[in-house]
N, C-alpha and C. Protein backbone atom coordinates (compact mmCIF):
# COMPACT_ATOMS: atom_id res chain seq x y z
N UNK A 1 14.27 -3.30 35.14
CA UNK A 1 12.89 -3.32 35.18
C UNK A 1 12.37 -4.76 35.84
N UNK A 2 11.51 -5.00 36.69
CA UNK A 2 11.05 -6.32 37.08
C UNK A 2 9.97 -6.79 36.14
N UNK A 3 10.12 -8.08 35.75
CA UNK A 3 9.04 -8.64 34.86
C UNK A 3 8.44 -9.59 35.69
N UNK A 4 6.98 -9.25 36.05
CA UNK A 4 6.23 -10.18 36.88
C UNK A 4 4.92 -10.35 36.21
N UNK A 5 4.77 -10.02 34.91
CA UNK A 5 3.45 -10.06 34.24
C UNK A 5 3.24 -11.68 33.94
N UNK A 6 4.37 -12.33 33.76
CA UNK A 6 4.24 -13.71 33.32
C UNK A 6 5.54 -14.28 33.97
N UNK A 7 5.57 -15.52 34.45
CA UNK A 7 6.65 -16.09 34.96
C UNK A 7 7.76 -16.64 34.02
N UNK A 8 8.85 -15.92 34.11
CA UNK A 8 9.98 -16.24 33.37
C UNK A 8 11.21 -16.42 34.19
N UNK A 9 12.25 -17.15 33.93
CA UNK A 9 13.46 -17.27 34.64
C UNK A 9 14.49 -16.24 34.00
N UNK A 10 15.49 -16.14 34.56
CA UNK A 10 16.58 -15.18 34.15
C UNK A 10 17.00 -15.68 32.79
N UNK A 11 17.05 -17.01 32.80
CA UNK A 11 17.52 -17.63 31.49
C UNK A 11 16.57 -17.31 30.29
N UNK A 12 15.50 -17.52 30.54
CA UNK A 12 14.24 -17.27 29.73
C UNK A 12 14.18 -15.78 29.15
N UNK A 13 14.53 -14.98 30.08
CA UNK A 13 14.67 -13.56 29.69
C UNK A 13 15.75 -13.27 28.98
N UNK A 14 16.81 -13.74 29.17
CA UNK A 14 18.16 -13.70 28.41
C UNK A 14 17.96 -14.23 26.90
N UNK A 15 17.15 -15.26 26.78
CA UNK A 15 17.07 -15.96 25.55
C UNK A 15 15.95 -15.23 24.57
N UNK A 16 15.34 -14.28 25.08
CA UNK A 16 14.32 -13.67 24.28
C UNK A 16 14.99 -12.54 23.13
N UNK A 17 14.27 -12.58 22.08
CA UNK A 17 14.63 -11.90 20.93
C UNK A 17 14.34 -10.37 21.23
N UNK A 18 14.82 -9.57 20.43
CA UNK A 18 14.56 -7.91 20.61
C UNK A 18 13.19 -7.70 20.62
N UNK A 19 12.46 -8.33 19.61
CA UNK A 19 10.92 -8.12 19.42
C UNK A 19 10.33 -8.67 20.74
N UNK A 20 10.66 -9.75 21.17
CA UNK A 20 9.98 -10.52 22.35
C UNK A 20 10.19 -9.49 23.57
N UNK A 21 11.39 -9.16 23.73
CA UNK A 21 11.82 -8.23 24.79
C UNK A 21 10.98 -7.08 24.94
N UNK A 22 10.83 -6.31 23.69
CA UNK A 22 10.06 -5.13 23.61
C UNK A 22 8.50 -5.55 23.82
N UNK A 23 8.06 -6.62 23.47
CA UNK A 23 6.78 -6.95 23.83
C UNK A 23 6.50 -7.12 25.30
N UNK A 24 7.52 -7.70 26.02
CA UNK A 24 7.48 -7.93 27.34
C UNK A 24 7.65 -6.53 28.01
N UNK A 25 8.40 -5.91 27.74
CA UNK A 25 8.61 -4.31 28.39
C UNK A 25 7.24 -3.60 28.30
N UNK A 26 6.48 -3.83 27.15
CA UNK A 26 5.43 -2.93 26.91
C UNK A 26 4.42 -3.58 27.68
N UNK A 27 4.16 -4.77 27.84
CA UNK A 27 3.01 -5.30 28.61
C UNK A 27 3.36 -5.24 30.13
N UNK A 28 4.64 -5.26 30.60
CA UNK A 28 4.82 -4.97 31.93
C UNK A 28 4.59 -3.54 32.14
N UNK A 29 4.85 -2.53 31.49
CA UNK A 29 4.55 -1.19 31.70
C UNK A 29 2.99 -0.88 31.60
N UNK A 30 2.20 -1.71 30.80
CA UNK A 30 0.74 -1.72 30.96
C UNK A 30 0.29 -2.25 32.19
N UNK A 31 0.90 -3.32 32.56
CA UNK A 31 0.40 -3.98 33.94
C UNK A 31 0.82 -2.91 35.04
N UNK A 32 1.83 -2.28 35.07
CA UNK A 32 2.21 -1.45 36.12
C UNK A 32 1.10 -0.15 35.99
N UNK A 33 0.76 0.18 34.73
CA UNK A 33 -0.10 1.22 34.78
C UNK A 33 -1.49 0.72 35.34
N UNK A 34 -1.92 -0.37 35.12
CA UNK A 34 -3.16 -1.02 35.63
C UNK A 34 -3.22 -0.90 37.20
N UNK A 35 -1.94 -1.31 37.78
CA UNK A 35 -1.80 -1.28 39.21
C UNK A 35 -1.93 0.09 39.76
N UNK A 36 -1.44 1.13 39.17
CA UNK A 36 -1.31 2.43 39.48
C UNK A 36 -2.71 2.99 39.41
N UNK A 37 -3.56 2.47 38.29
CA UNK A 37 -4.95 3.25 38.03
C UNK A 37 -5.86 2.55 39.04
N UNK A 38 -5.71 1.26 39.43
CA UNK A 38 -6.45 0.73 40.51
C UNK A 38 -6.20 1.12 41.78
N UNK A 39 -5.06 1.44 42.26
CA UNK A 39 -4.77 2.12 43.52
C UNK A 39 -5.23 3.51 43.50
N UNK A 40 -5.27 4.24 42.38
CA UNK A 40 -5.83 5.73 42.30
C UNK A 40 -7.12 5.65 42.41
N UNK A 41 -7.93 4.76 41.78
CA UNK A 41 -9.45 4.51 41.56
C UNK A 41 -10.06 4.19 43.17
N UNK A 42 -9.21 3.37 43.62
CA UNK A 42 -9.83 2.95 45.10
C UNK A 42 -9.47 4.01 46.03
N UNK A 43 -8.48 4.80 45.90
CA UNK A 43 -8.27 6.00 47.00
C UNK A 43 -9.14 7.06 46.49
N UNK A 44 -9.55 7.32 45.32
CA UNK A 44 -10.60 8.31 44.87
C UNK A 44 -11.76 7.92 45.56
N UNK A 45 -12.25 6.61 45.39
CA UNK A 45 -13.44 6.20 46.01
C UNK A 45 -13.52 6.27 47.56
N UNK A 46 -12.39 5.99 47.95
CA UNK A 46 -12.23 5.96 49.53
C UNK A 46 -12.48 7.55 50.07
N UNK A 47 -12.00 8.31 49.27
CA UNK A 47 -12.07 9.89 49.71
C UNK A 47 -13.57 10.11 49.53
N UNK A 48 -14.10 9.75 48.46
CA UNK A 48 -15.62 9.98 48.30
C UNK A 48 -16.41 9.39 49.38
N UNK A 49 -16.16 8.22 49.82
CA UNK A 49 -16.97 7.49 50.93
C UNK A 49 -16.69 8.31 52.31
N UNK A 50 -15.49 8.64 52.61
CA UNK A 50 -15.10 9.22 53.81
C UNK A 50 -15.92 10.56 53.85
N UNK A 51 -15.65 11.43 52.70
CA UNK A 51 -16.40 12.80 52.70
C UNK A 51 -17.97 12.71 52.84
N UNK A 52 -18.46 11.57 52.41
CA UNK A 52 -20.01 11.64 52.50
C UNK A 52 -20.34 10.95 53.77
N UNK A 53 -19.40 10.69 54.70
CA UNK A 53 -19.74 10.01 55.87
C UNK A 53 -20.50 8.61 55.94
N UNK A 54 -19.77 7.82 54.81
CA UNK A 54 -20.45 6.54 54.46
C UNK A 54 -19.43 5.40 54.73
N UNK A 55 -18.53 5.66 55.41
CA UNK A 55 -17.31 4.53 55.58
C UNK A 55 -17.67 3.35 56.23
N UNK A 56 -18.76 3.44 57.09
CA UNK A 56 -19.20 1.99 57.73
C UNK A 56 -20.20 1.53 56.76
N UNK A 57 -20.72 1.76 55.67
CA UNK A 57 -21.36 0.96 54.81
C UNK A 57 -20.49 -0.04 53.97
N UNK A 58 -21.08 -0.81 53.19
CA UNK A 58 -20.39 -1.88 52.61
C UNK A 58 -20.04 -1.17 51.14
N UNK A 59 -20.27 -0.08 50.85
CA UNK A 59 -19.87 0.55 49.53
C UNK A 59 -18.59 0.51 49.13
N UNK A 60 -17.74 0.88 50.08
CA UNK A 60 -16.31 0.90 49.69
C UNK A 60 -15.77 -0.50 49.59
N UNK A 61 -16.03 -1.59 50.20
CA UNK A 61 -15.62 -2.87 50.03
C UNK A 61 -16.17 -3.41 48.65
N UNK A 62 -17.46 -3.10 48.38
CA UNK A 62 -18.14 -3.66 47.10
C UNK A 62 -17.42 -3.05 45.88
N UNK A 63 -17.04 -1.68 46.02
CA UNK A 63 -16.46 -1.05 44.92
C UNK A 63 -15.09 -1.54 44.75
N UNK A 64 -14.34 -1.90 45.75
CA UNK A 64 -12.92 -2.36 45.69
C UNK A 64 -13.15 -3.69 45.02
N UNK A 65 -13.96 -4.52 45.56
CA UNK A 65 -14.09 -5.87 44.87
C UNK A 65 -14.47 -5.73 43.47
N UNK A 66 -15.18 -4.86 43.00
CA UNK A 66 -15.58 -4.57 41.54
C UNK A 66 -14.38 -4.17 40.85
N UNK A 67 -13.58 -3.14 41.39
CA UNK A 67 -12.37 -2.54 40.76
C UNK A 67 -11.29 -3.78 40.76
N UNK A 68 -11.18 -4.81 41.75
CA UNK A 68 -10.21 -5.80 41.73
C UNK A 68 -10.48 -6.76 40.57
N UNK A 69 -11.84 -7.22 40.40
CA UNK A 69 -12.27 -7.99 39.41
C UNK A 69 -11.96 -7.44 37.94
N UNK A 70 -12.23 -6.14 37.81
CA UNK A 70 -11.92 -5.54 36.40
C UNK A 70 -10.38 -5.50 36.17
N UNK A 71 -9.68 -5.34 37.29
CA UNK A 71 -8.20 -5.27 37.11
C UNK A 71 -7.70 -6.79 36.73
N UNK A 72 -8.31 -7.84 37.26
CA UNK A 72 -7.83 -9.10 37.07
C UNK A 72 -8.30 -9.34 35.61
N UNK A 73 -9.58 -8.99 35.20
CA UNK A 73 -10.04 -9.36 33.87
C UNK A 73 -8.98 -8.66 32.77
N UNK A 74 -8.54 -7.40 33.01
CA UNK A 74 -7.78 -6.71 32.07
C UNK A 74 -6.28 -7.44 31.98
N UNK A 75 -5.94 -7.76 33.22
CA UNK A 75 -4.56 -8.22 33.53
C UNK A 75 -4.54 -9.68 32.75
N UNK A 76 -5.72 -10.47 32.71
CA UNK A 76 -5.79 -11.72 32.01
C UNK A 76 -5.60 -11.46 30.46
N UNK A 77 -6.30 -10.57 29.97
CA UNK A 77 -6.31 -10.19 28.62
C UNK A 77 -4.96 -9.68 28.29
N UNK A 78 -4.26 -9.08 29.03
CA UNK A 78 -2.92 -8.59 28.75
C UNK A 78 -1.90 -9.51 28.72
N UNK A 79 -2.04 -10.77 29.61
CA UNK A 79 -1.11 -11.85 29.68
C UNK A 79 -1.35 -12.60 28.41
N UNK A 80 -2.64 -12.93 28.14
CA UNK A 80 -2.87 -13.56 26.88
C UNK A 80 -2.31 -13.14 25.65
N UNK A 81 -2.64 -11.81 25.49
CA UNK A 81 -2.12 -11.26 24.30
C UNK A 81 -0.50 -11.23 24.23
N UNK A 82 0.12 -11.02 25.40
CA UNK A 82 1.68 -11.00 25.48
C UNK A 82 2.06 -12.46 25.16
N UNK A 83 1.53 -13.56 25.75
CA UNK A 83 1.97 -14.85 25.44
C UNK A 83 1.75 -15.10 23.94
N UNK A 84 0.48 -14.75 23.34
CA UNK A 84 0.26 -15.03 22.03
C UNK A 84 1.33 -14.36 21.09
N UNK A 85 1.41 -12.95 21.44
CA UNK A 85 2.27 -12.20 20.44
C UNK A 85 3.86 -12.68 20.45
N UNK A 86 4.21 -13.05 21.69
CA UNK A 86 5.51 -13.61 21.79
C UNK A 86 5.81 -14.90 21.10
N UNK A 87 4.73 -15.82 20.96
CA UNK A 87 4.74 -16.94 20.58
C UNK A 87 4.82 -16.87 18.83
N UNK A 88 4.20 -15.72 18.39
CA UNK A 88 4.40 -15.41 17.00
C UNK A 88 5.75 -15.11 16.56
N UNK A 89 6.67 -14.58 17.37
CA UNK A 89 7.87 -14.19 17.02
C UNK A 89 8.98 -15.09 17.59
N UNK A 90 8.66 -16.51 17.70
CA UNK A 90 9.57 -17.52 18.05
C UNK A 90 9.81 -18.40 16.84
N UNK A 91 10.99 -18.57 16.21
CA UNK A 91 11.11 -19.50 15.44
C UNK A 91 11.08 -21.07 15.96
N UNK A 92 10.34 -21.78 15.16
CA UNK A 92 10.13 -23.13 15.75
C UNK A 92 10.91 -24.10 14.99
N UNK A 93 11.41 -25.25 15.46
CA UNK A 93 12.12 -26.22 15.02
C UNK A 93 11.32 -27.14 13.89
N UNK A 94 10.07 -27.05 14.15
CA UNK A 94 9.34 -28.24 13.34
C UNK A 94 8.82 -27.39 12.02
N UNK A 95 9.04 -26.01 12.12
CA UNK A 95 8.37 -25.46 10.78
C UNK A 95 9.50 -25.23 9.82
N UNK A 96 10.76 -25.37 10.23
CA UNK A 96 12.11 -25.11 9.42
C UNK A 96 11.94 -23.94 8.64
N UNK A 97 11.26 -22.93 9.06
CA UNK A 97 11.17 -21.71 8.11
C UNK A 97 10.90 -20.42 9.04
N UNK A 98 12.06 -20.14 9.88
CA UNK A 98 12.04 -18.98 10.82
C UNK A 98 11.86 -17.69 10.14
N UNK A 99 12.33 -17.69 8.96
CA UNK A 99 12.66 -16.40 8.26
C UNK A 99 11.26 -15.87 7.26
N UNK A 100 10.43 -16.69 7.20
CA UNK A 100 9.40 -16.13 6.14
C UNK A 100 9.23 -16.75 4.94
N UNK A 101 10.34 -17.62 4.46
CA UNK A 101 10.30 -18.12 3.22
C UNK A 101 9.45 -19.47 3.35
N UNK A 102 9.14 -19.98 2.16
CA UNK A 102 8.03 -21.05 2.20
C UNK A 102 8.87 -22.46 2.42
N UNK A 103 10.24 -22.36 2.44
CA UNK A 103 10.92 -23.57 2.75
C UNK A 103 10.78 -24.68 1.72
N UNK A 104 10.19 -24.44 0.54
CA UNK A 104 10.00 -25.64 -0.37
C UNK A 104 11.20 -25.78 -1.21
N UNK A 105 12.27 -25.10 -1.01
CA UNK A 105 13.46 -25.28 -1.73
C UNK A 105 13.72 -24.05 -2.97
N UNK A 106 12.62 -23.46 -3.16
CA UNK A 106 12.81 -22.42 -4.08
C UNK A 106 13.05 -20.95 -3.27
N UNK A 107 12.36 -20.81 -2.23
CA UNK A 107 12.56 -19.54 -1.21
C UNK A 107 13.63 -19.87 -0.17
N UNK A 108 14.49 -18.89 -0.20
CA UNK A 108 15.64 -19.04 0.92
C UNK A 108 14.88 -18.88 2.28
N UNK A 109 15.62 -19.29 3.26
CA UNK A 109 15.17 -19.41 4.69
C UNK A 109 16.21 -18.59 5.49
N UNK A 110 15.81 -17.32 6.18
CA UNK A 110 16.64 -16.79 6.86
C UNK A 110 16.70 -17.38 8.28
N UNK A 111 18.00 -16.87 8.93
CA UNK A 111 18.21 -17.48 10.26
C UNK A 111 17.61 -16.46 11.32
N UNK A 112 16.94 -15.57 10.92
CA UNK A 112 16.44 -14.60 11.91
C UNK A 112 15.08 -14.39 11.64
N UNK A 113 14.42 -13.73 12.50
CA UNK A 113 12.66 -13.50 12.35
C UNK A 113 12.48 -12.40 11.46
N UNK A 114 11.75 -12.79 10.27
CA UNK A 114 11.38 -11.61 9.51
C UNK A 114 10.00 -11.19 9.82
N UNK A 115 9.83 -9.81 10.15
CA UNK A 115 8.50 -9.29 10.68
C UNK A 115 8.52 -7.97 10.01
N UNK A 116 7.75 -7.89 8.93
CA UNK A 116 7.64 -6.58 8.32
C UNK A 116 6.82 -5.35 9.12
N UNK A 117 6.21 -5.90 10.30
CA UNK A 117 5.60 -4.93 10.99
C UNK A 117 6.65 -4.05 11.84
N UNK A 118 7.78 -4.42 11.86
CA UNK A 118 8.68 -3.69 12.73
C UNK A 118 9.11 -2.54 11.81
N UNK A 119 9.92 -1.55 12.54
CA UNK A 119 10.43 -0.35 11.71
C UNK A 119 11.65 -0.95 11.10
N UNK A 120 12.34 -0.19 10.27
CA UNK A 120 13.50 -0.49 9.42
C UNK A 120 14.63 -0.56 10.70
N UNK A 121 14.70 0.25 11.54
CA UNK A 121 15.70 0.28 12.47
C UNK A 121 15.76 -0.89 13.23
N UNK A 122 14.58 -1.50 13.72
CA UNK A 122 14.22 -2.61 14.52
C UNK A 122 14.73 -3.81 13.63
N UNK A 123 14.39 -4.01 12.29
CA UNK A 123 14.88 -4.79 11.33
C UNK A 123 16.39 -4.86 11.16
N UNK A 124 16.98 -3.79 11.07
CA UNK A 124 18.36 -3.55 10.97
C UNK A 124 19.12 -4.34 12.20
N UNK A 125 18.68 -3.93 13.46
CA UNK A 125 19.23 -4.50 14.56
C UNK A 125 19.13 -6.01 14.76
N UNK A 126 17.89 -6.53 14.47
CA UNK A 126 17.87 -8.00 14.28
C UNK A 126 18.76 -8.69 13.35
N UNK A 127 18.78 -8.22 12.12
CA UNK A 127 19.67 -8.77 11.10
C UNK A 127 21.04 -8.48 11.67
N UNK A 128 21.34 -7.45 11.96
CA UNK A 128 22.94 -7.20 12.50
C UNK A 128 23.20 -8.21 13.58
N UNK A 129 22.26 -8.38 14.56
CA UNK A 129 22.61 -9.20 15.84
C UNK A 129 22.77 -10.53 15.31
N UNK A 130 22.05 -11.07 14.35
CA UNK A 130 22.00 -12.47 13.73
C UNK A 130 23.59 -12.43 13.15
N UNK A 131 23.98 -11.62 12.45
CA UNK A 131 25.22 -11.81 11.59
C UNK A 131 26.39 -11.54 12.51
N UNK A 132 26.24 -10.61 13.38
CA UNK A 132 27.35 -10.66 14.29
C UNK A 132 27.58 -11.64 15.34
N UNK A 133 26.66 -12.68 15.29
CA UNK A 133 26.70 -13.89 16.27
C UNK A 133 27.67 -14.91 15.57
N UNK A 134 27.89 -14.66 14.21
CA UNK A 134 28.87 -15.45 13.47
C UNK A 134 30.17 -14.95 13.81
N UNK A 135 31.06 -15.87 14.32
CA UNK A 135 32.43 -15.34 14.75
C UNK A 135 33.30 -15.11 13.67
N UNK A 136 33.47 -15.88 12.51
CA UNK A 136 34.40 -15.42 11.47
C UNK A 136 33.85 -14.41 10.62
N UNK A 137 34.66 -13.27 10.49
CA UNK A 137 34.21 -12.01 9.72
C UNK A 137 33.97 -12.34 8.31
N UNK A 138 34.84 -13.23 7.71
CA UNK A 138 34.84 -13.46 6.23
C UNK A 138 33.49 -14.35 5.97
N UNK A 139 33.20 -15.31 6.85
CA UNK A 139 32.00 -16.17 6.52
C UNK A 139 30.80 -15.20 6.68
N UNK A 140 30.85 -14.33 7.94
CA UNK A 140 29.77 -13.45 8.11
C UNK A 140 29.38 -12.73 6.91
N UNK A 141 30.43 -12.06 6.21
CA UNK A 141 30.20 -11.10 5.12
C UNK A 141 29.68 -12.04 4.00
N UNK A 142 30.18 -13.19 3.79
CA UNK A 142 29.75 -14.03 2.61
C UNK A 142 28.43 -14.39 2.75
N UNK A 143 27.93 -14.76 3.98
CA UNK A 143 26.57 -15.26 4.20
C UNK A 143 25.57 -14.02 4.06
N UNK A 144 26.08 -12.78 4.37
CA UNK A 144 25.14 -11.68 4.37
C UNK A 144 25.08 -11.37 3.05
N UNK A 145 26.19 -11.32 2.07
CA UNK A 145 25.89 -10.91 0.65
C UNK A 145 25.02 -12.01 -0.03
N UNK A 146 25.11 -13.21 0.39
CA UNK A 146 24.21 -14.11 -0.17
C UNK A 146 22.83 -14.21 0.26
N UNK A 147 22.44 -13.37 1.31
CA UNK A 147 21.15 -13.45 1.91
C UNK A 147 20.08 -12.40 1.04
N UNK A 148 19.35 -13.07 0.15
CA UNK A 148 18.41 -12.40 -0.49
C UNK A 148 17.22 -11.79 0.38
N UNK A 149 16.81 -12.53 1.29
CA UNK A 149 15.96 -11.97 2.18
C UNK A 149 16.25 -10.70 2.85
N UNK A 150 17.40 -10.47 3.27
CA UNK A 150 17.96 -9.42 3.99
C UNK A 150 18.04 -8.27 2.99
N UNK A 151 18.36 -8.44 1.70
CA UNK A 151 18.15 -7.31 0.70
C UNK A 151 16.71 -6.73 0.73
N UNK A 152 15.78 -7.72 0.65
CA UNK A 152 14.51 -7.00 0.55
C UNK A 152 13.88 -6.71 1.75
N UNK A 153 14.26 -7.22 3.01
CA UNK A 153 13.83 -7.15 4.35
C UNK A 153 14.38 -5.56 4.91
N UNK A 154 15.71 -5.23 4.60
CA UNK A 154 16.26 -4.09 5.09
C UNK A 154 16.19 -2.95 4.20
N UNK A 155 15.94 -3.02 2.76
CA UNK A 155 15.70 -1.97 1.92
C UNK A 155 16.89 -1.31 1.99
N UNK A 156 16.92 0.18 2.21
CA UNK A 156 18.13 1.07 2.11
C UNK A 156 19.22 0.66 3.16
N UNK A 157 18.69 -0.03 4.31
CA UNK A 157 19.74 -0.32 5.39
C UNK A 157 20.62 -1.51 4.93
N UNK A 158 20.33 -2.18 3.90
CA UNK A 158 21.07 -3.29 3.45
C UNK A 158 22.61 -2.86 3.32
N UNK A 159 22.65 -1.85 2.59
CA UNK A 159 24.07 -1.39 2.22
C UNK A 159 24.95 -0.71 3.61
N UNK A 160 24.05 -0.23 4.49
CA UNK A 160 24.66 0.24 5.61
C UNK A 160 25.25 -0.93 6.46
N UNK A 161 24.39 -1.89 6.49
CA UNK A 161 24.83 -3.25 7.31
C UNK A 161 26.05 -3.81 6.65
N UNK A 162 26.03 -3.80 5.19
CA UNK A 162 27.13 -4.30 4.46
C UNK A 162 28.55 -3.72 4.94
N UNK A 163 28.26 -2.39 4.76
CA UNK A 163 29.48 -1.58 5.21
C UNK A 163 29.86 -1.76 6.55
N UNK A 164 29.24 -2.03 7.59
CA UNK A 164 29.45 -2.30 8.78
C UNK A 164 30.19 -3.62 9.03
N UNK A 165 29.54 -4.81 8.32
CA UNK A 165 30.16 -5.99 8.40
C UNK A 165 31.47 -6.21 7.73
N UNK A 166 31.65 -5.17 6.47
CA UNK A 166 32.95 -5.17 5.84
C UNK A 166 34.00 -4.72 6.51
N UNK A 167 33.76 -3.90 7.67
CA UNK A 167 34.83 -3.29 8.37
C UNK A 167 35.56 -4.06 9.20
N UNK A 168 35.04 -5.37 9.53
CA UNK A 168 35.64 -6.37 10.31
C UNK A 168 36.57 -7.24 9.53
N UNK A 169 36.61 -7.27 8.32
CA UNK A 169 37.62 -7.98 7.51
C UNK A 169 38.87 -7.34 7.37
């Protein structure tokens, strides 16, 4: 899939999290649908103008301009929403709290994005990808068993991921 809704380099795309990639794909599909709808509306109006014998009037050009303006407006909204939603799912260095804990010393901090709006399967994949990025299997499992955020975040999937990670030892 070609991503042209916002300007991203290949490195930027590769650095996106699972959630951000899903947001980007969804927005790109919506943009492609807008383009298809625009072309279909223009063709429909062109057929109407031709069948009514009014091709020499300014009606078609005016309607195309109106449709183009509406497309640009909807595309701008789509881009703004995408950029905003992607920024919500980026852990930042200045907040020192990418996982949702308060970071005041009492709450643990996860090394992955904690987003309770995701399905349990998506949560599982995010946490699994985070722990699989740790090269030492023993350290990976020790960190996972000490992760209280993962226990609450994954629910029933916590034991499943524990079994997967323990297979590597």
